[in-house]
């Protein structure tokens, strides 16, 4: 298993980052929707999409998404617009920096994504959610991969510096 991880860690890292970027795009779309649409309109759209994607309204996915959306009504739509847009834009900037192998992006991603994980754990303790638990596990894996790739990039840079000094 360890050999597999070492051999494929960069591919896993990139896959995790691309998934994070996809989630960030979805968060931006949802944030814009919260800014322009009412809860009633968004609920109607969500229900229509779920009826197409998930044929059985008794399924776990249907009830999980539906109950999660109902929990959002506690706060104003402008609050959720800000949350989704700020998370999405932050994640896009960080994933772009990671994909371009920028040193600042590794540190910033470790800090920001770790903060998100702590917040998600707190939210899960307050309101248990299987979906949020899955997202948190995924985020922990991605943070580990970022840390692992950061260490590898440091050692690559050091070896490049040594080889430049020898020439």
N, C-alpha and C. Protein backbone atom coordinates (compact mmCIF):
# COMPACT_ATOMS: atom_id res chain seq x y z
N UNK A 1 0.82 -1.19 0.00
CA UNK A 1 0.00 0.00 0.00
C UNK A 1 0.87 1.26 0.00
N UNK A 2 1.92 1.24 0.82
CA UNK A 2 2.81 2.39 0.91
C UNK A 2 3.51 2.64 -0.44
N UNK A 3 3.90 1.55 -1.10
CA UNK A 3 4.55 1.67 -2.40
C UNK A 3 3.58 2.26 -3.43
N UNK A 4 2.32 1.81 -3.38
CA UNK A 4 1.31 2.34 -4.27
C UNK A 4 1.15 3.85 -4.04
N UNK A 5 1.07 4.24 -2.76
CA UNK A 5 0.89 5.66 -2.44
C UNK A 5 2.04 6.50 -2.96
N UNK A 6 3.27 6.03 -2.71
CA UNK A 6 4.44 6.79 -3.18
C UNK A 6 4.44 6.94 -4.69
N UNK A 7 4.04 5.86 -5.37
CA UNK A 7 4.06 5.86 -6.83
C UNK A 7 2.96 6.76 -7.41
N UNK A 8 1.82 6.81 -6.75
CA UNK A 8 0.66 7.52 -7.30
C UNK A 8 0.25 8.75 -6.50
N UNK A 9 1.06 9.19 -5.56
CA UNK A 9 0.65 10.30 -4.70
C UNK A 9 0.38 11.58 -5.48
N UNK A 10 1.18 11.84 -6.50
CA UNK A 10 0.98 13.08 -7.25
C UNK A 10 -0.33 13.03 -8.04
N UNK A 11 -0.66 11.86 -8.62
CA UNK A 11 -1.93 11.73 -9.33
C UNK A 11 -3.11 11.87 -8.37
N UNK A 12 -2.98 11.30 -7.17
CA UNK A 12 -4.03 11.43 -6.16
C UNK A 12 -4.17 12.89 -5.73
N UNK A 13 -3.02 13.56 -5.56
CA UNK A 13 -3.00 14.97 -5.20
C UNK A 13 -3.74 15.80 -6.25
N UNK A 14 -3.37 15.60 -7.52
CA UNK A 14 -4.01 16.36 -8.60
C UNK A 14 -5.50 16.06 -8.69
N UNK A 15 -5.87 14.79 -8.54
CA UNK A 15 -7.29 14.43 -8.59
C UNK A 15 -8.05 15.12 -7.47
N UNK A 16 -7.49 15.10 -6.26
CA UNK A 16 -8.12 15.77 -5.13
C UNK A 16 -8.27 17.26 -5.36
N UNK A 17 -7.26 17.87 -5.95
CA UNK A 17 -7.30 19.31 -6.21
C UNK A 17 -8.33 19.62 -7.30
N UNK A 18 -8.42 18.79 -8.33
CA UNK A 18 -9.43 19.01 -9.36
C UNK A 18 -10.84 18.85 -8.80
N UNK A 19 -11.03 17.89 -7.92
CA UNK A 19 -12.34 17.71 -7.27
C UNK A 19 -12.65 18.94 -6.42
N UNK A 20 -11.65 19.42 -5.65
CA UNK A 20 -11.86 20.64 -4.85
C UNK A 20 -12.23 21.82 -5.75
N UNK A 21 -11.58 21.93 -6.91
CA UNK A 21 -11.88 23.02 -7.84
C UNK A 21 -13.31 22.88 -8.38
N UNK A 22 -13.72 21.66 -8.67
CA UNK A 22 -15.10 21.43 -9.13
C UNK A 22 -16.12 21.80 -8.06
N UNK A 23 -15.83 21.43 -6.83
CA UNK A 23 -16.70 21.80 -5.72
C UNK A 23 -16.74 23.32 -5.56
N UNK A 24 -15.59 23.96 -5.74
CA UNK A 24 -15.52 25.42 -5.63
C UNK A 24 -16.39 26.08 -6.69
N UNK A 25 -16.36 25.56 -7.91
CA UNK A 25 -17.21 26.11 -8.98
C UNK A 25 -18.69 25.95 -8.60
N UNK A 26 -19.03 24.78 -8.07
CA UNK A 26 -20.42 24.55 -7.63
C UNK A 26 -20.80 25.52 -6.52
N UNK A 27 -19.87 25.77 -5.58
CA UNK A 27 -20.15 26.71 -4.50
C UNK A 27 -20.38 28.12 -5.03
N UNK A 28 -19.63 28.51 -6.03
CA UNK A 28 -19.81 29.84 -6.63
C UNK A 28 -21.19 29.92 -7.30
N UNK A 29 -21.57 28.88 -8.02
CA UNK A 29 -22.88 28.86 -8.67
C UNK A 29 -24.00 28.94 -7.62
N UNK A 30 -23.87 28.16 -6.55
CA UNK A 30 -24.87 28.18 -5.47
C UNK A 30 -24.89 29.55 -4.80
N UNK A 31 -23.72 30.14 -4.59
CA UNK A 31 -23.65 31.47 -3.98
C UNK A 31 -24.36 32.51 -4.82
N UNK A 32 -24.14 32.46 -6.13
CA UNK A 32 -24.83 33.39 -7.03
C UNK A 32 -26.34 33.14 -6.98
N UNK A 33 -26.73 31.86 -6.96
CA UNK A 33 -28.16 31.53 -6.87
C UNK A 33 -28.77 32.08 -5.58
N UNK A 34 -28.06 31.94 -4.46
CA UNK A 34 -28.57 32.49 -3.19
C UNK A 34 -28.69 34.01 -3.26
N UNK A 35 -27.82 34.64 -4.00
CA UNK A 35 -27.85 36.10 -4.10
C UNK A 35 -29.07 36.57 -4.90
N UNK A 36 -29.40 35.84 -5.98
CA UNK A 36 -30.44 36.31 -6.89
C UNK A 36 -31.81 35.64 -6.71
N UNK A 37 -31.85 34.46 -6.09
CA UNK A 37 -33.11 33.72 -6.02
C UNK A 37 -33.61 33.60 -4.58
N UNK A 38 -34.92 33.43 -4.45
CA UNK A 38 -35.52 33.22 -3.13
C UNK A 38 -35.39 31.73 -2.76
N UNK A 39 -35.61 31.45 -1.48
CA UNK A 39 -35.60 30.06 -1.03
C UNK A 39 -36.64 29.23 -1.78
N UNK A 40 -37.80 29.82 -2.00
CA UNK A 40 -38.88 29.09 -2.67
C UNK A 40 -38.48 28.70 -4.09
N UNK A 41 -37.89 29.63 -4.82
CA UNK A 41 -37.45 29.35 -6.19
C UNK A 41 -36.35 28.30 -6.19
N UNK A 42 -35.39 28.44 -5.28
CA UNK A 42 -34.29 27.47 -5.22
C UNK A 42 -34.81 26.09 -4.81
N UNK A 43 -35.77 26.04 -3.90
CA UNK A 43 -36.34 24.76 -3.49
C UNK A 43 -37.06 24.10 -4.66
N UNK A 44 -37.78 24.89 -5.46
CA UNK A 44 -38.47 24.35 -6.64
C UNK A 44 -37.46 23.79 -7.65
N UNK A 45 -36.36 24.52 -7.87
CA UNK A 45 -35.32 24.06 -8.79
C UNK A 45 -34.67 22.79 -8.26
N UNK A 46 -34.33 22.79 -6.97
CA UNK A 46 -33.71 21.63 -6.34
C UNK A 46 -34.61 20.40 -6.43
N UNK A 47 -35.88 20.59 -6.15
CA UNK A 47 -36.83 19.48 -6.22
C UNK A 47 -36.92 18.94 -7.64
N UNK A 48 -36.97 19.82 -8.63
CA UNK A 48 -37.03 19.39 -10.04
C UNK A 48 -35.79 18.60 -10.43
N UNK A 49 -34.63 19.11 -10.05
CA UNK A 49 -33.37 18.43 -10.38
C UNK A 49 -33.30 17.07 -9.68
N UNK A 50 -33.68 17.04 -8.42
CA UNK A 50 -33.65 15.77 -7.68
C UNK A 50 -34.62 14.75 -8.27
N UNK A 51 -35.76 15.20 -8.76
CA UNK A 51 -36.71 14.28 -9.36
C UNK A 51 -36.15 13.67 -10.64
N UNK A 52 -35.34 14.42 -11.35
CA UNK A 52 -34.72 13.91 -12.58
C UNK A 52 -33.56 12.97 -12.24
N UNK A 53 -32.71 13.39 -11.32
CA UNK A 53 -31.50 12.63 -10.98
C UNK A 53 -31.81 11.43 -10.10
N UNK A 54 -32.61 11.64 -9.08
CA UNK A 54 -32.93 10.58 -8.12
C UNK A 54 -34.41 10.25 -8.30
N UNK A 55 -34.68 9.13 -8.93
CA UNK A 55 -36.06 8.77 -9.27
C UNK A 55 -36.92 8.52 -8.04
N UNK A 56 -36.33 8.00 -6.97
CA UNK A 56 -37.09 7.59 -5.80
C UNK A 56 -37.02 8.66 -4.71
N UNK A 57 -38.14 9.39 -4.45
CA UNK A 57 -38.11 10.41 -3.41
C UNK A 57 -37.94 9.84 -2.00
N UNK A 58 -38.00 8.54 -1.86
CA UNK A 58 -37.79 7.89 -0.56
C UNK A 58 -36.32 7.60 -0.30
N UNK A 59 -35.45 7.83 -1.31
CA UNK A 59 -34.04 7.45 -1.19
C UNK A 59 -33.30 8.33 -0.19
N UNK A 60 -32.17 7.81 0.27
CA UNK A 60 -31.36 8.54 1.24
C UNK A 60 -30.80 9.83 0.69
N UNK A 61 -30.40 9.82 -0.59
CA UNK A 61 -29.83 11.03 -1.20
C UNK A 61 -30.87 12.14 -1.22
N UNK A 62 -32.08 11.79 -1.63
CA UNK A 62 -33.17 12.77 -1.70
C UNK A 62 -33.40 13.41 -0.33
N UNK A 63 -33.58 12.58 0.68
CA UNK A 63 -33.89 13.12 2.01
C UNK A 63 -32.70 13.90 2.59
N UNK A 64 -31.47 13.44 2.30
CA UNK A 64 -30.28 14.13 2.81
C UNK A 64 -30.18 15.54 2.21
N UNK A 65 -30.34 15.66 0.90
CA UNK A 65 -30.24 16.96 0.24
C UNK A 65 -31.41 17.84 0.65
N UNK A 66 -32.59 17.27 0.69
CA UNK A 66 -33.78 18.03 1.03
C UNK A 66 -33.71 18.57 2.47
N UNK A 67 -33.31 17.72 3.41
CA UNK A 67 -33.23 18.19 4.80
C UNK A 67 -32.08 19.18 4.97
N UNK A 68 -30.98 18.97 4.25
CA UNK A 68 -29.87 19.92 4.29
C UNK A 68 -30.29 21.29 3.79
N UNK A 69 -31.09 21.32 2.73
CA UNK A 69 -31.57 22.59 2.20
C UNK A 69 -32.51 23.28 3.18
N UNK A 70 -33.37 22.51 3.83
CA UNK A 70 -34.29 23.10 4.82
C UNK A 70 -33.53 23.72 5.98
N UNK A 71 -32.39 23.12 6.34
CA UNK A 71 -31.58 23.67 7.44
C UNK A 71 -30.99 25.04 7.09
N UNK A 72 -30.86 25.33 5.81
CA UNK A 72 -30.28 26.61 5.38
C UNK A 72 -31.21 27.79 5.62
N UNK A 73 -32.50 27.53 5.76
CA UNK A 73 -33.49 28.60 5.91
C UNK A 73 -33.30 29.38 7.21
N UNK A 74 -32.54 28.82 8.13
CA UNK A 74 -32.30 29.49 9.42
C UNK A 74 -31.69 30.88 9.21
N UNK A 75 -30.82 31.01 8.21
CA UNK A 75 -30.13 32.28 7.94
C UNK A 75 -30.63 32.89 6.64
N UNK A 76 -30.34 34.16 6.43
CA UNK A 76 -30.80 34.86 5.23
C UNK A 76 -30.06 34.36 3.99
N UNK A 77 -30.67 34.59 2.84
CA UNK A 77 -30.04 34.17 1.59
C UNK A 77 -28.74 34.95 1.34
N UNK A 78 -28.69 36.20 1.78
CA UNK A 78 -27.46 36.97 1.58
C UNK A 78 -26.31 36.40 2.41
N UNK A 79 -26.62 35.87 3.59
CA UNK A 79 -25.60 35.21 4.41
C UNK A 79 -25.03 34.01 3.66
N UNK A 80 -25.92 33.16 3.14
CA UNK A 80 -25.46 31.97 2.42
C UNK A 80 -24.76 32.34 1.12
N UNK A 81 -25.21 33.40 0.46
CA UNK A 81 -24.52 33.85 -0.76
C UNK A 81 -23.08 34.20 -0.42
N UNK A 82 -22.89 34.95 0.66
CA UNK A 82 -21.54 35.33 1.08
C UNK A 82 -20.70 34.09 1.42
N UNK A 83 -21.26 33.17 2.19
CA UNK A 83 -20.53 31.96 2.60
C UNK A 83 -20.10 31.15 1.39
N UNK A 84 -21.06 30.83 0.51
CA UNK A 84 -20.73 29.99 -0.65
C UNK A 84 -19.78 30.71 -1.61
N UNK A 85 -20.01 31.99 -1.86
CA UNK A 85 -19.11 32.72 -2.76
C UNK A 85 -17.70 32.85 -2.19
N UNK A 86 -17.60 33.19 -0.91
CA UNK A 86 -16.25 33.35 -0.33
C UNK A 86 -15.51 32.02 -0.28
N UNK A 87 -16.20 30.94 0.08
CA UNK A 87 -15.55 29.62 0.08
C UNK A 87 -15.14 29.23 -1.34
N UNK A 88 -16.04 29.41 -2.29
CA UNK A 88 -15.76 29.02 -3.67
C UNK A 88 -14.60 29.79 -4.27
N UNK A 89 -14.61 31.11 -4.10
CA UNK A 89 -13.53 31.94 -4.66
C UNK A 89 -12.20 31.61 -3.99
N UNK A 90 -12.22 31.44 -2.67
CA UNK A 90 -10.99 31.09 -1.94
C UNK A 90 -10.43 29.76 -2.45
N UNK A 91 -11.30 28.76 -2.58
CA UNK A 91 -10.85 27.44 -3.05
C UNK A 91 -10.33 27.50 -4.48
N UNK A 92 -10.96 28.30 -5.34
CA UNK A 92 -10.47 28.43 -6.72
C UNK A 92 -9.07 29.03 -6.73
N UNK A 93 -8.86 30.10 -5.96
CA UNK A 93 -7.54 30.72 -5.91
C UNK A 93 -6.48 29.74 -5.39
N UNK A 94 -6.83 29.01 -4.33
CA UNK A 94 -5.87 28.06 -3.75
C UNK A 94 -5.59 26.89 -4.68
N UNK A 95 -6.62 26.32 -5.28
CA UNK A 95 -6.38 25.18 -6.18
C UNK A 95 -5.60 25.61 -7.42
N UNK A 96 -5.85 26.80 -7.89
CA UNK A 96 -5.07 27.31 -9.04
C UNK A 96 -3.59 27.43 -8.65
N UNK A 97 -3.33 27.99 -7.48
CA UNK A 97 -1.95 28.10 -7.01
C UNK A 97 -1.30 26.75 -6.82
N UNK A 98 -2.05 25.77 -6.30
CA UNK A 98 -1.50 24.43 -6.12
C UNK A 98 -1.18 23.78 -7.45
N UNK A 99 -2.07 23.92 -8.42
CA UNK A 99 -1.84 23.31 -9.73
C UNK A 99 -0.66 23.97 -10.46
N UNK A 100 -0.38 25.23 -10.12
CA UNK A 100 0.78 25.91 -10.71
C UNK A 100 2.03 25.74 -9.85
N UNK A 101 1.93 24.91 -8.80
CA UNK A 101 3.05 24.58 -7.92
C UNK A 101 3.66 25.82 -7.25
N UNK A 102 2.79 26.74 -6.82
CA UNK A 102 3.24 27.93 -6.11
C UNK A 102 3.43 27.59 -4.64
N UNK A 103 4.58 27.94 -4.09
CA UNK A 103 4.90 27.60 -2.70
C UNK A 103 3.90 28.21 -1.72
N UNK A 104 3.47 29.45 -1.95
CA UNK A 104 2.52 30.10 -1.05
C UNK A 104 1.21 29.33 -0.98
N UNK A 105 0.82 28.70 -2.09
CA UNK A 105 -0.48 28.02 -2.16
C UNK A 105 -0.51 26.79 -1.25
N UNK A 106 0.63 26.12 -1.09
CA UNK A 106 0.67 24.94 -0.21
C UNK A 106 0.38 25.36 1.24
N UNK A 107 1.09 26.36 1.71
CA UNK A 107 0.92 26.81 3.09
C UNK A 107 -0.49 27.38 3.29
N UNK A 108 -0.91 28.25 2.39
CA UNK A 108 -2.24 28.86 2.51
C UNK A 108 -3.33 27.79 2.46
N UNK A 109 -3.19 26.80 1.60
CA UNK A 109 -4.19 25.73 1.50
C UNK A 109 -4.24 24.90 2.77
N UNK A 110 -3.07 24.59 3.31
CA UNK A 110 -3.04 23.83 4.56
C UNK A 110 -3.77 24.58 5.67
N UNK A 111 -3.54 25.88 5.76
CA UNK A 111 -4.18 26.68 6.81
C UNK A 111 -5.68 26.80 6.57
N UNK A 112 -6.07 27.20 5.37
CA UNK A 112 -7.49 27.45 5.07
C UNK A 112 -8.29 26.15 5.11
N UNK A 113 -7.79 25.10 4.45
CA UNK A 113 -8.55 23.84 4.43
C UNK A 113 -8.61 23.21 5.82
N UNK A 114 -7.56 23.38 6.61
CA UNK A 114 -7.61 22.88 8.00
C UNK A 114 -8.66 23.64 8.80
N UNK A 115 -8.75 24.94 8.58
CA UNK A 115 -9.80 25.73 9.24
C UNK A 115 -11.18 25.22 8.82
N UNK A 116 -11.36 24.97 7.52
CA UNK A 116 -12.65 24.45 7.04
C UNK A 116 -12.96 23.10 7.71
N UNK A 117 -11.95 22.24 7.86
CA UNK A 117 -12.15 20.94 8.48
C UNK A 117 -12.59 21.11 9.94
N UNK A 118 -11.91 21.99 10.66
CA UNK A 118 -12.28 22.23 12.07
C UNK A 118 -13.73 22.74 12.15
N UNK A 119 -14.08 23.64 11.26
CA UNK A 119 -15.44 24.16 11.22
C UNK A 119 -16.44 23.06 10.88
N UNK A 120 -16.10 22.20 9.94
CA UNK A 120 -16.99 21.09 9.56
C UNK A 120 -17.17 20.11 10.72
N UNK A 121 -16.10 19.83 11.43
CA UNK A 121 -16.20 18.93 12.59
C UNK A 121 -17.13 19.55 13.63
N UNK A 122 -16.96 20.84 13.88
CA UNK A 122 -17.83 21.54 14.83
C UNK A 122 -19.28 21.45 14.37
N UNK A 123 -19.52 21.73 13.08
CA UNK A 123 -20.89 21.66 12.55
C UNK A 123 -21.47 20.26 12.69
N UNK A 124 -20.65 19.24 12.43
CA UNK A 124 -21.11 17.86 12.54
C UNK A 124 -21.46 17.52 13.98
N UNK A 125 -20.69 18.03 14.93
CA UNK A 125 -21.00 17.78 16.34
C UNK A 125 -22.30 18.47 16.75
N UNK A 126 -22.57 19.64 16.17
CA UNK A 126 -23.79 20.37 16.50
C UNK A 126 -25.02 19.76 15.82
N UNK A 127 -24.85 19.41 14.54
CA UNK A 127 -25.95 18.87 13.72
C UNK A 127 -25.39 17.71 12.90
N UNK A 128 -25.45 16.49 13.43
CA UNK A 128 -24.86 15.35 12.71
C UNK A 128 -25.37 15.25 11.27
N UNK A 129 -24.41 15.06 10.36
CA UNK A 129 -24.73 14.97 8.95
C UNK A 129 -23.76 14.01 8.29
N UNK A 130 -24.28 12.93 7.74
CA UNK A 130 -23.44 11.95 7.08
C UNK A 130 -22.70 12.57 5.89
N UNK A 131 -23.40 13.42 5.14
CA UNK A 131 -22.78 14.08 3.98
C UNK A 131 -21.60 14.94 4.42
N UNK A 132 -21.79 15.71 5.47
CA UNK A 132 -20.71 16.57 5.96
C UNK A 132 -19.55 15.74 6.50
N UNK A 133 -19.86 14.60 7.10
CA UNK A 133 -18.79 13.70 7.58
C UNK A 133 -17.98 13.17 6.40
N UNK A 134 -18.64 12.81 5.29
CA UNK A 134 -17.92 12.34 4.10
C UNK A 134 -17.05 13.45 3.52
N UNK A 135 -17.60 14.65 3.45
CA UNK A 135 -16.84 15.79 2.93
C UNK A 135 -15.62 16.05 3.81
N UNK A 136 -15.80 15.94 5.12
CA UNK A 136 -14.70 16.17 6.05
C UNK A 136 -13.60 15.13 5.87
N UNK A 137 -13.97 13.87 5.71
CA UNK A 137 -12.97 12.82 5.48
C UNK A 137 -12.22 13.10 4.18
N UNK A 138 -12.94 13.47 3.12
CA UNK A 138 -12.30 13.82 1.86
C UNK A 138 -11.34 14.98 2.05
N UNK A 139 -11.77 16.01 2.76
CA UNK A 139 -10.92 17.18 2.99
C UNK A 139 -9.66 16.83 3.79
N UNK A 140 -9.80 15.94 4.77
CA UNK A 140 -8.63 15.50 5.54
C UNK A 140 -7.63 14.79 4.63
N UNK A 141 -8.14 13.95 3.74
CA UNK A 141 -7.26 13.24 2.78
C UNK A 141 -6.56 14.26 1.88
N UNK A 142 -7.30 15.24 1.38
CA UNK A 142 -6.71 16.25 0.50
C UNK A 142 -5.66 17.07 1.24
N UNK A 143 -5.92 17.43 2.48
CA UNK A 143 -4.93 18.19 3.27
C UNK A 143 -3.67 17.35 3.46
N UNK A 144 -3.83 16.07 3.73
CA UNK A 144 -2.66 15.19 3.85
C UNK A 144 -1.88 15.16 2.54
N UNK A 145 -2.57 15.04 1.42
CA UNK A 145 -1.90 15.01 0.12
C UNK A 145 -1.19 16.33 -0.17
N UNK A 146 -1.80 17.44 0.20
CA UNK A 146 -1.16 18.75 0.03
C UNK A 146 0.12 18.81 0.86
N UNK A 147 0.04 18.37 2.11
CA UNK A 147 1.21 18.37 2.99
C UNK A 147 2.31 17.48 2.41
N UNK A 148 1.93 16.30 1.95
CA UNK A 148 2.89 15.35 1.37
C UNK A 148 3.57 15.96 0.13
N UNK A 149 2.78 16.56 -0.74
CA UNK A 149 3.34 17.17 -1.95
C UNK A 149 4.18 18.40 -1.62
N UNK A 150 3.79 19.13 -0.59
CA UNK A 150 4.58 20.29 -0.16
C UNK A 150 5.96 19.84 0.28
N UNK A 151 6.02 18.79 1.09
CA UNK A 151 7.31 18.25 1.53
C UNK A 151 8.13 17.77 0.34
N UNK A 152 7.50 17.10 -0.60
CA UNK A 152 8.22 16.64 -1.80
C UNK A 152 8.72 17.82 -2.62
N UNK A 153 7.92 18.87 -2.74
CA UNK A 153 8.36 20.02 -3.53
C UNK A 153 9.53 20.74 -2.87
N UNK A 154 9.54 20.77 -1.54
CA UNK A 154 10.68 21.36 -0.82
C UNK A 154 11.94 20.57 -1.10
N UNK A 155 11.86 19.25 -1.01
CA UNK A 155 13.05 18.43 -1.24
C UNK A 155 13.49 18.53 -2.71
N UNK A 156 12.55 18.65 -3.65
CA UNK A 156 12.92 18.83 -5.07
C UNK A 156 13.64 20.16 -5.26
N UNK A 157 13.13 21.20 -4.62
CA UNK A 157 13.76 22.52 -4.75
C UNK A 157 15.16 22.52 -4.15
N UNK A 158 15.32 21.85 -3.01
CA UNK A 158 16.63 21.77 -2.38
C UNK A 158 17.61 21.02 -3.29
N UNK A 159 17.17 19.93 -3.88
CA UNK A 159 18.07 19.16 -4.75
C UNK A 159 18.40 19.96 -6.01
N UNK A 160 17.45 20.76 -6.51
CA UNK A 160 17.73 21.62 -7.66
C UNK A 160 18.74 22.69 -7.30
N UNK A 161 18.63 23.26 -6.11
CA UNK A 161 19.58 24.27 -5.63
C UNK A 161 20.97 23.69 -5.51
N UNK A 162 21.06 22.47 -4.99
CA UNK A 162 22.36 21.82 -4.84
C UNK A 162 22.99 21.56 -6.20
N UNK A 163 22.17 21.08 -7.15
CA UNK A 163 22.72 20.80 -8.47
C UNK A 163 23.13 22.08 -9.19
N UNK A 164 22.43 23.17 -8.97
CA UNK A 164 22.82 24.46 -9.57
C UNK A 164 24.12 24.97 -8.96
N UNK A 165 24.29 24.75 -7.66
CA UNK A 165 25.52 25.21 -7.00
C UNK A 165 26.71 24.39 -7.46
N UNK A 166 26.51 23.14 -7.81
CA UNK A 166 27.61 22.29 -8.23
C UNK A 166 28.06 22.64 -9.64
N UNK A 167 27.17 23.23 -10.43
CA UNK A 167 27.54 23.60 -11.82
C UNK A 167 28.23 24.87 -11.84
